[in-house]
Protein backbone atom coordinates (compact mmCIF):
# COMPACT_ATOMS: atom_id res chain seq x y z
CA MET A 1 0.04 -0.09 -0.09
CA THR A 2 1.59 3.21 -0.55
CA GLU A 3 1.40 6.58 1.69
CA ARG A 4 -1.29 8.36 -0.05
CA ARG A 5 -3.56 5.24 -0.07
CA ALA A 6 -2.80 4.40 3.84
CA ARG A 7 -3.26 7.71 4.77
CA LEU A 8 -6.40 8.03 3.29
CA ALA A 9 -7.23 4.00 4.80
CA THR A 10 -6.16 5.49 8.41
CA ARG A 11 -7.36 9.54 7.99
CA HIS A 12 -11.10 9.06 6.49
CA ARG A 13 -11.90 5.92 9.07
CA LEU A 14 -12.25 3.34 6.23
CA ALA A 15 -9.78 0.71 7.77
CA PRO A 16 -10.39 -1.35 10.48
CA GLY A 17 -10.01 -0.14 13.99
CA ARG A 18 -9.97 3.49 12.37
CA ARG A 19 -13.41 3.68 12.46
CA ALA A 20 -15.16 6.77 14.13
CA SER A 21 -17.15 6.25 17.47
CA ASP A 22 -19.55 9.27 16.41
CA SER A 23 -21.21 10.06 13.19
CA THR A 24 -19.02 13.57 13.72
CA GLU A 25 -16.10 12.58 14.80
CA ALA A 26 -16.63 10.88 11.20
CA ALA A 27 -17.15 13.79 9.36
CA ARG A 28 -15.00 15.61 11.21
CA SER A 29 -12.27 13.43 9.99
CA ILE A 30 -13.15 14.04 6.18
CA VAL A 31 -13.70 18.16 6.64
CA CYS A 32 -17.27 17.86 6.42
CA LEU A 33 -19.78 15.85 4.74
CA HIS A 34 -21.43 15.71 1.20
CA GLY A 35 -25.24 16.39 1.02
CA THR A 36 -26.59 17.26 -2.21
CA ASP A 37 -27.51 13.86 -2.12
CA PRO A 38 -29.47 13.53 1.12
CA ALA A 39 -29.26 9.88 1.93
CA THR A 40 -25.19 9.82 0.92
CA VAL A 41 -24.41 12.27 4.80
CA TYR A 42 -25.92 8.99 6.04
CA LEU A 43 -23.96 6.00 4.15
CA SER A 44 -20.85 8.15 4.78
CA ALA A 45 -20.87 8.16 8.20
CA TRP A 46 -22.12 4.32 8.42
CA ALA A 47 -19.12 3.61 6.07
CA ARG A 48 -17.10 5.18 8.53
CA MET A 49 -18.44 3.23 11.99
CA ASP A 50 -19.32 0.59 12.95
CA GLU A 51 -22.48 0.68 13.86
CA MET A 52 -24.54 3.71 12.99
CA THR A 53 -28.20 4.01 12.71
CA VAL A 54 -30.10 6.65 11.01
CA ALA A 55 -31.27 8.12 14.79
CA ASP A 56 -27.55 7.93 15.82
CA LEU A 57 -27.00 10.75 12.54
CA ASP A 58 -30.57 12.54 13.47
CA ARG A 59 -29.95 13.23 16.70
CA ALA A 60 -26.40 14.91 15.53
CA LEU A 61 -27.56 17.32 13.02
CA TYR A 62 -31.49 17.99 15.34
CA GLU A 63 -30.97 18.11 18.70
CA GLN A 64 -27.51 18.05 19.54
CA ARG A 65 -26.76 20.67 16.48
CA SER A 66 -23.28 19.08 16.20
CA LEU A 67 -23.60 18.87 12.53
CA VAL A 68 -25.00 21.51 10.43
CA LYS A 69 -25.73 21.53 6.99
CA HIS A 70 -24.55 24.20 5.02
CA LEU A 71 -24.52 25.86 1.40
CA SER A 72 -20.47 25.78 0.66
CA MET A 73 -17.64 24.80 -1.78
CA ARG A 74 -18.52 25.10 -5.03
CA ARG A 75 -22.55 25.93 -4.45
CA THR A 76 -22.37 22.70 -2.85
CA LEU A 77 -24.80 21.37 0.26
CA PHE A 78 -22.35 20.14 2.99
CA VAL A 79 -22.71 19.03 6.52
CA PHE A 80 -20.21 20.38 8.35
CA PRO A 81 -19.13 20.00 12.22
CA ARG A 82 -20.54 22.60 14.15
CA GLU A 83 -17.17 23.88 15.46
CA THR A 84 -16.32 24.35 10.89
CA LEU A 85 -19.07 26.26 10.31
CA ALA A 86 -17.41 29.88 10.63
CA LEU A 87 -14.52 29.09 8.76
CA ALA A 88 -16.57 28.04 5.65
CA GLN A 89 -18.31 31.14 6.17
CA ALA A 90 -15.36 32.75 5.82
CA GLY A 91 -13.34 30.65 3.74
CA ALA A 92 -16.31 29.52 1.02
CA SER A 93 -19.61 30.27 2.03
CA ASP A 94 -19.53 34.45 1.88
CA ARG A 95 -17.95 34.03 -2.06
CA VAL A 96 -21.13 31.52 -3.25
CA ALA A 97 -23.66 34.21 -1.52
CA ASP A 98 -22.28 37.28 -2.83
CA ALA A 99 -22.53 35.83 -6.72
CA GLU A 100 -26.15 33.40 -6.24
CA ARG A 101 -27.01 37.60 -4.92
CA ARG A 102 -25.64 39.33 -7.94
CA ARG A 103 -26.64 36.48 -10.53
CA LEU A 104 -30.76 36.72 -8.79
CA ILE A 105 -30.95 40.22 -9.04
CA LYS A 106 -29.62 40.55 -12.57
CA GLU A 107 -32.38 37.85 -13.72
CA VAL A 108 -34.94 39.46 -11.54
CA ASP A 109 -33.93 42.62 -13.19
CA ARG A 110 -33.80 41.05 -16.55
CA ALA A 111 -37.22 39.43 -16.48
CA GLY A 112 -39.15 43.03 -14.98
CA LEU A 113 -40.49 40.99 -12.01
CA TYR A 114 -39.62 43.74 -9.36
CA PRO A 115 -39.62 47.60 -10.68
CA ASN A 116 -35.75 48.00 -8.77
CA ALA A 117 -34.60 43.98 -8.10
CA GLU A 118 -31.54 44.81 -5.44
CA ARG A 119 -33.89 46.91 -3.18
CA TRP A 120 -36.38 43.79 -4.31
CA LEU A 121 -34.08 42.12 -2.34
CA ALA A 122 -33.28 43.09 0.30
CA GLU A 123 -36.82 43.99 1.18
CA ALA A 124 -37.54 40.15 0.96
CA SER A 125 -34.35 38.98 2.07
CA ALA A 126 -35.48 41.25 6.24
CA GLU A 127 -39.24 39.56 5.68
CA VAL A 128 -37.82 35.92 5.49
CA LEU A 129 -35.45 37.02 8.87
CA GLU A 130 -38.06 38.47 10.59
CA ALA A 131 -40.34 35.60 10.17
CA LEU A 132 -37.83 33.32 11.52
CA ALA A 133 -36.67 35.33 14.35
CA ASP A 134 -38.29 33.97 17.02
CA GLY A 135 -37.02 30.59 16.91
CA ARG A 136 -39.63 29.58 14.15
CA GLU A 137 -38.73 26.93 11.60
CA ALA A 138 -41.05 27.24 8.46
CA SER A 139 -41.22 25.64 5.44
CA ALA A 140 -40.07 27.06 2.21
CA SER A 141 -44.07 27.25 0.96
CA GLU A 142 -44.65 28.47 4.30
CA LEU A 143 -42.56 31.36 3.87
CA ARG A 144 -43.83 32.08 -0.19
CA ASP A 145 -47.34 31.75 0.88
CA GLU A 146 -46.60 34.46 3.86
CA ILE A 147 -44.23 36.65 2.10
CA PRO A 148 -45.63 38.03 -1.42
CA LEU A 149 -42.31 39.44 -1.99
CA LEU A 150 -41.31 35.39 -2.21
CA GLN A 151 -43.67 35.20 -4.89
CA GLY A 152 -43.05 34.85 -8.72
CA ALA A 153 -41.20 33.14 -11.46
CA VAL A 154 -38.21 33.90 -13.69
CA GLU A 155 -37.43 32.24 -17.68
CA TYR A 156 -34.51 30.20 -18.64
CA GLY A 157 -34.01 28.99 -21.31
CA LYS A 158 -36.49 30.62 -23.52
CA GLY A 159 -37.34 29.37 -26.83
CA LYS A 160 -35.30 26.29 -25.68
CA ARG A 161 -36.88 22.66 -24.71
CA TRP A 162 -34.61 22.33 -22.23
CA GLY A 163 -36.29 26.00 -20.99
CA GLY A 164 -38.65 27.03 -18.21
CA LYS A 165 -39.49 28.94 -15.33
CA VAL A 166 -37.50 28.60 -12.14
CA SER A 167 -39.37 30.67 -8.94
CA VAL A 168 -37.28 33.19 -7.18
CA GLY A 169 -38.85 32.40 -3.55
CA PRO A 170 -36.18 29.25 -2.56
CA ARG A 171 -33.44 31.32 -4.76
CA VAL A 172 -34.07 34.01 -1.91
CA LEU A 173 -33.77 31.13 0.70
CA THR A 174 -30.05 30.12 -1.21
CA VAL A 175 -28.89 33.49 -0.92
CA LEU A 176 -29.81 33.76 2.86
CA SER A 177 -28.35 30.55 3.80
CA ALA A 178 -24.52 30.56 1.55
CA ALA A 179 -24.67 33.99 3.28
CA GLY A 180 -25.12 32.41 6.92
CA GLN A 181 -28.50 34.37 7.49
CA ILE A 182 -30.60 30.92 7.83
CA VAL A 183 -30.09 26.80 7.76
CA ARG A 184 -31.60 24.13 6.74
CA ALA A 185 -32.84 22.85 10.54
CA SER A 186 -35.03 20.27 10.94
CA ASN A 187 -36.44 17.84 7.78
CA ASN A 188 -40.28 16.99 6.87
CA GLY A 189 -39.40 13.64 5.52
CA ALA A 190 -37.26 10.47 5.49
CA TRP A 191 -33.39 10.34 5.26
CA THR A 192 -33.64 9.01 2.30
CA SER A 193 -35.47 13.03 0.86
CA SER A 194 -34.96 16.47 1.27
CA ARG A 195 -37.73 18.28 2.94
CA PRO A 196 -35.88 21.23 4.88
CA ARG A 197 -37.42 23.40 7.34
CA TRP A 198 -35.66 26.30 7.48
CA ALA A 199 -34.52 28.49 11.03
CA SER A 200 -32.27 31.69 11.78
CA MET A 201 -28.83 30.96 11.81
CA VAL A 202 -28.08 32.23 15.25
CA ALA A 203 -31.61 30.94 16.12
CA TRP A 204 -30.48 26.98 15.59
CA LEU A 205 -26.83 27.51 17.13
CA GLY A 206 -27.97 29.44 20.09
CA GLU A 207 -25.21 31.40 19.19
CA PRO A 208 -23.94 34.27 16.66
CA LEU A 209 -22.15 32.58 13.65
CA ASP A 210 -19.01 35.11 14.26
CA PRO A 211 -16.64 34.23 10.43
CA PRO A 212 -13.18 35.04 10.87
CA PRO A 213 -11.91 37.61 8.11
CA ALA A 214 -11.96 35.77 4.33
CA PRO A 215 -8.24 34.85 3.97
CA GLU A 216 -8.34 33.36 7.58
CA GLY A 217 -11.21 31.48 7.28
CA VAL A 218 -9.69 29.87 3.10
CA ALA A 219 -6.35 28.78 5.42
CA GLY A 220 -8.24 27.16 7.83
CA LEU A 221 -10.65 25.26 5.52
CA VAL A 222 -6.88 24.18 3.14
CA GLU A 223 -5.61 23.44 6.84
CA ARG A 224 -8.39 20.86 7.28
CA TRP A 225 -8.12 19.57 3.65
CA LEU A 226 -4.35 18.90 3.90
CA ARG A 227 -4.89 17.81 7.15
CA ALA A 228 -6.99 14.84 6.01
CA PHE A 229 -6.67 14.94 2.62
CA GLY A 230 -3.17 15.38 2.03
CA PRO A 231 -0.77 14.95 0.03
CA GLY A 232 -2.31 17.03 -2.80
CA SER A 233 -1.76 18.90 -5.22
CA ALA A 234 -2.86 23.32 -5.43
CA ASN A 235 -4.93 22.07 -8.20
CA ASP A 236 -6.68 19.36 -5.78
CA ILE A 237 -7.11 22.19 -2.92
CA LYS A 238 -8.50 25.04 -5.79
CA TRP A 239 -11.57 22.19 -7.51
CA TRP A 240 -12.14 21.25 -3.29
CA LEU A 241 -12.31 24.99 -2.27
CA GLY A 242 -14.20 26.39 -5.69
CA SER A 243 -11.79 29.17 -5.21
CA THR A 244 -8.79 30.19 -6.71
CA VAL A 245 -5.25 29.42 -7.07
CA GLY A 246 -3.76 32.80 -6.11
CA ALA A 247 -6.22 31.90 -2.81
CA VAL A 248 -4.99 29.29 -1.93
CA LYS A 249 -1.46 30.05 -2.83
CA ARG A 250 -1.76 32.61 0.06
CA ALA A 251 -3.43 30.46 2.44
CA LEU A 252 -0.54 27.45 2.06
CA VAL A 253 1.73 30.29 2.39
CA ASP A 254 0.01 31.37 5.36
CA ILE A 255 -0.34 27.73 7.46
CA GLU A 256 3.66 27.24 6.44
CA ALA A 257 3.02 23.89 4.16
CA ILE A 258 5.63 21.84 2.78
CA GLU A 259 6.60 20.56 -0.99
CA VAL A 260 6.18 16.96 -1.20
CA ALA A 261 6.60 15.10 -4.25
CA LEU A 262 3.35 13.63 -5.53
CA ASP A 263 3.66 10.08 -8.37
CA GLY A 264 4.62 11.42 -11.34
CA GLY A 265 6.46 14.43 -10.59
CA ALA A 266 4.13 16.79 -9.89
CA THR A 267 4.07 18.20 -6.56
CA GLY A 268 2.31 18.44 -3.70
CA TYR A 269 1.46 19.78 -0.17
CA LEU A 270 1.66 18.34 3.69
CA LEU A 271 0.96 20.39 6.65
CA PRO A 272 4.61 21.19 8.62
CA ASP A 273 3.59 18.67 11.32
CA ASP A 274 2.67 15.55 9.40
CA LEU A 275 5.41 15.09 7.67
CA GLU A 276 6.07 11.23 8.90
CA PRO A 277 5.08 8.43 7.22
CA THR A 278 1.41 6.20 8.14
CA PRO A 279 1.59 3.07 9.52
CA THR A 280 0.31 0.48 6.92
CA PRO A 281 -3.17 -0.16 8.06
CA GLU A 282 -4.60 -4.05 7.91
CA PRO A 283 -6.30 -4.46 4.14
CA PHE A 284 -10.28 -3.03 4.04
CA ALA A 285 -13.19 -3.10 1.90
CA ALA A 286 -15.41 -0.27 1.66
CA LEU A 287 -18.62 0.49 -0.09
CA LEU A 288 -19.15 4.19 -0.79
CA PRO A 289 -22.24 6.37 -1.90
CA PRO A 290 -22.66 9.01 -4.61
CA LEU A 291 -20.57 11.81 -4.03
CA ASP A 292 -19.17 10.46 -1.33
CA PRO A 293 -15.97 12.89 0.32
CA THR A 294 -13.18 10.85 -0.15
CA THR A 295 -14.43 9.52 -3.81
CA MET A 296 -14.56 13.39 -4.86
CA GLY A 297 -12.04 14.66 -2.84
CA TRP A 298 -8.89 15.42 -5.29
CA TYR A 299 -9.34 16.90 -8.27
CA GLU A 300 -6.55 14.68 -9.64
CA ARG A 301 -7.66 11.11 -8.86
CA ASP A 302 -5.24 8.53 -11.40
CA TRP A 303 -3.87 7.41 -8.02
CA TYR A 304 -7.25 5.65 -6.69
CA LEU A 305 -9.26 6.11 -9.43
CA GLY A 306 -7.77 4.33 -12.58
CA ARG A 307 -8.91 3.67 -15.42
CA TYR A 308 -12.21 3.82 -14.11
CA LYS A 309 -13.80 7.41 -14.09
CA ASP A 310 -16.09 6.74 -17.31
CA GLN A 311 -17.92 4.10 -15.30
CA LEU A 312 -17.95 5.44 -12.02
CA PHE A 313 -18.47 9.62 -12.84
CA ASP A 314 -21.52 11.22 -14.75
CA THR A 315 -20.64 14.09 -17.84
CA ASN A 316 -20.91 16.70 -15.21
CA GLY A 317 -18.29 14.98 -12.47
CA ASN A 318 -20.42 13.22 -9.71
CA ALA A 319 -18.64 10.04 -8.93
CA GLY A 320 -21.61 7.18 -8.13
CA PRO A 321 -21.36 4.39 -5.95
CA THR A 322 -17.72 2.92 -5.53
CA VAL A 323 -16.47 -0.53 -3.95
CA TRP A 324 -13.23 0.13 -2.51
CA TRP A 325 -10.01 -2.60 -1.80
CA ASP A 326 -7.21 -1.09 -0.17
CA GLY A 327 -7.30 2.46 -0.50
CA ARG A 328 -8.30 2.14 -4.19
CA ILE A 329 -11.24 1.92 -6.68
CA VAL A 330 -12.32 -1.84 -7.76
CA GLY A 331 -15.59 -1.30 -8.33
CA GLY A 332 -19.62 -0.17 -7.85
CA TRP A 333 -22.61 -1.05 -7.37
CA ARG A 334 -26.31 -1.01 -7.12
CA GLN A 335 -29.93 -1.74 -5.10
CA GLU A 336 -32.05 -4.19 -5.89
CA ASP A 337 -35.31 -3.37 -5.73
CA ASP A 338 -35.21 -5.33 -2.22
CA GLY A 339 -33.01 -3.06 -1.02
CA ALA A 340 -30.39 -5.83 -1.56
CA VAL A 341 -26.80 -4.55 -2.42
CA VAL A 342 -25.33 -5.94 -5.71
CA LEU A 343 -21.59 -5.18 -6.14
CA GLN A 344 -20.63 -4.60 -10.12
CA MET A 345 -17.21 -5.44 -10.07
CA LEU A 346 -14.24 -3.35 -12.35
CA GLU A 347 -11.75 -6.39 -11.61
CA ASP A 348 -10.89 -9.52 -9.93
CA PRO A 349 -8.62 -8.06 -6.88
CA GLY A 350 -8.19 -11.51 -5.36
CA SER A 351 -9.84 -13.72 -3.38
CA GLU A 352 -9.03 -12.05 0.06
CA ALA A 353 -10.64 -8.79 -1.21
CA ARG A 354 -13.61 -10.60 -2.54
CA ASP A 355 -14.50 -11.35 1.30
CA ALA A 356 -14.18 -8.55 2.68
CA ILE A 357 -16.09 -6.73 0.07
CA GLU A 358 -19.13 -9.51 0.10
CA ALA A 359 -18.94 -9.26 3.68
CA GLU A 360 -19.05 -5.15 3.66
CA ALA A 361 -21.98 -5.79 0.85
CA ALA A 362 -24.25 -7.92 3.54
CA ARG A 363 -23.44 -5.28 6.26
CA LEU A 364 -24.11 -2.99 4.93
CA THR A 365 -28.10 -4.52 2.79
CA GLY A 366 -28.67 -5.79 6.49
CA TRP A 367 -28.03 -1.70 7.72
CA PHE A 368 -30.99 -0.83 5.05
CA GLU A 369 -33.57 -3.04 6.17
CA GLY A 370 -35.40 -3.57 2.53
CA THR A 371 -35.01 0.46 1.66
CA ARG A 372 -33.93 1.61 -2.01
CA VAL A 373 -32.05 4.02 -2.41
CA LEU A 374 -32.13 6.28 -5.29
CA PRO A 375 -29.11 8.25 -6.03
CA ARG A 376 -29.57 11.49 -7.60
CA PHE A 377 -25.86 11.60 -9.72
CA PRO A 378 -26.25 7.45 -10.61
CA SER A 379 -23.16 6.37 -12.49
CA PRO A 380 -23.03 4.66 -16.03
CA LEU A 381 -22.09 1.47 -13.74
CA SER A 382 -25.41 1.59 -11.63
CA LYS A 383 -27.55 2.36 -13.96
CA GLN A 384 -26.76 -0.51 -15.55
CA ARG A 385 -28.83 -3.93 -14.49
CA ALA A 386 -26.83 -7.49 -14.20
CA SER A 387 -26.46 -9.04 -16.32
């Protein structure tokens, strides 16, 4: 096992004896959980724990609030450990909020939906915050019914077959959530669905978010990424952060990152206190869900993905469900109608690996208890039926 794969196995809590004791620790070990597909949050935590129930993660999300859903890097929904939230706000979410705000104003102005789009957005935002100021939770439809300024839609793709209209109300909520003013609170649905009720961020946390200056936020996120995913290249960090090369380079200087050689002669980075070799863990099997942070964690993926990109990633770069053996991807998986996990191997990793992978598939089948999860971003391989 190479050093990078040993680090992945150990730090991402995938190797035997290295799994997390709770879902918050599992999220912390990989900076944050990917939250675009609601089921992925649960399946990513499950893969990093010996035992986990839906109720365990729900407790962390909705009662303890040690994990918080938040729109951040690359305009993507993540689940952050609470202590990382302020860094994410300063280092990524504020930038996303600004871009979303400017885009919404431009489109509402162009559509002529309101006479002054900038003033409209300010007034609509203020009314949402007032409606949620007392700690109340409300769905998007409830807020739209109460606040006339959230009503209306703008057209996109005019004249195109794929064109249509999109409501402005949810986009106002997107701007406010990226800005750290409101948050996806409780989920009014099953764990496999996303039906959020919105709350004031201050009310949900019980205190102001209090983000640091933007450069400190970027540096803090880069430091956490290197601790979990390093060594990695500047391109890896830039892609993960959704930022610029300049911002990444400044952050690397700020945290005094050390240059190291990657396979193929590329330059990677590690933290100055994290240069010691990682002891080789026991061989391990893992079944990771679509968009899992490990699968999506790097931009340059050949060292663990190999030649399987076309089978396991869709054309937009979203990863489907994957099978791992000893720090690299060897196949994918899907579910039957009854919830049973079906392996879709892309190579034969040997008898020891097959036994371990089949055992992990049986463990996941048992955990599903008949629940069928339909991934939002299925890979080409996971769409295939068994021959």
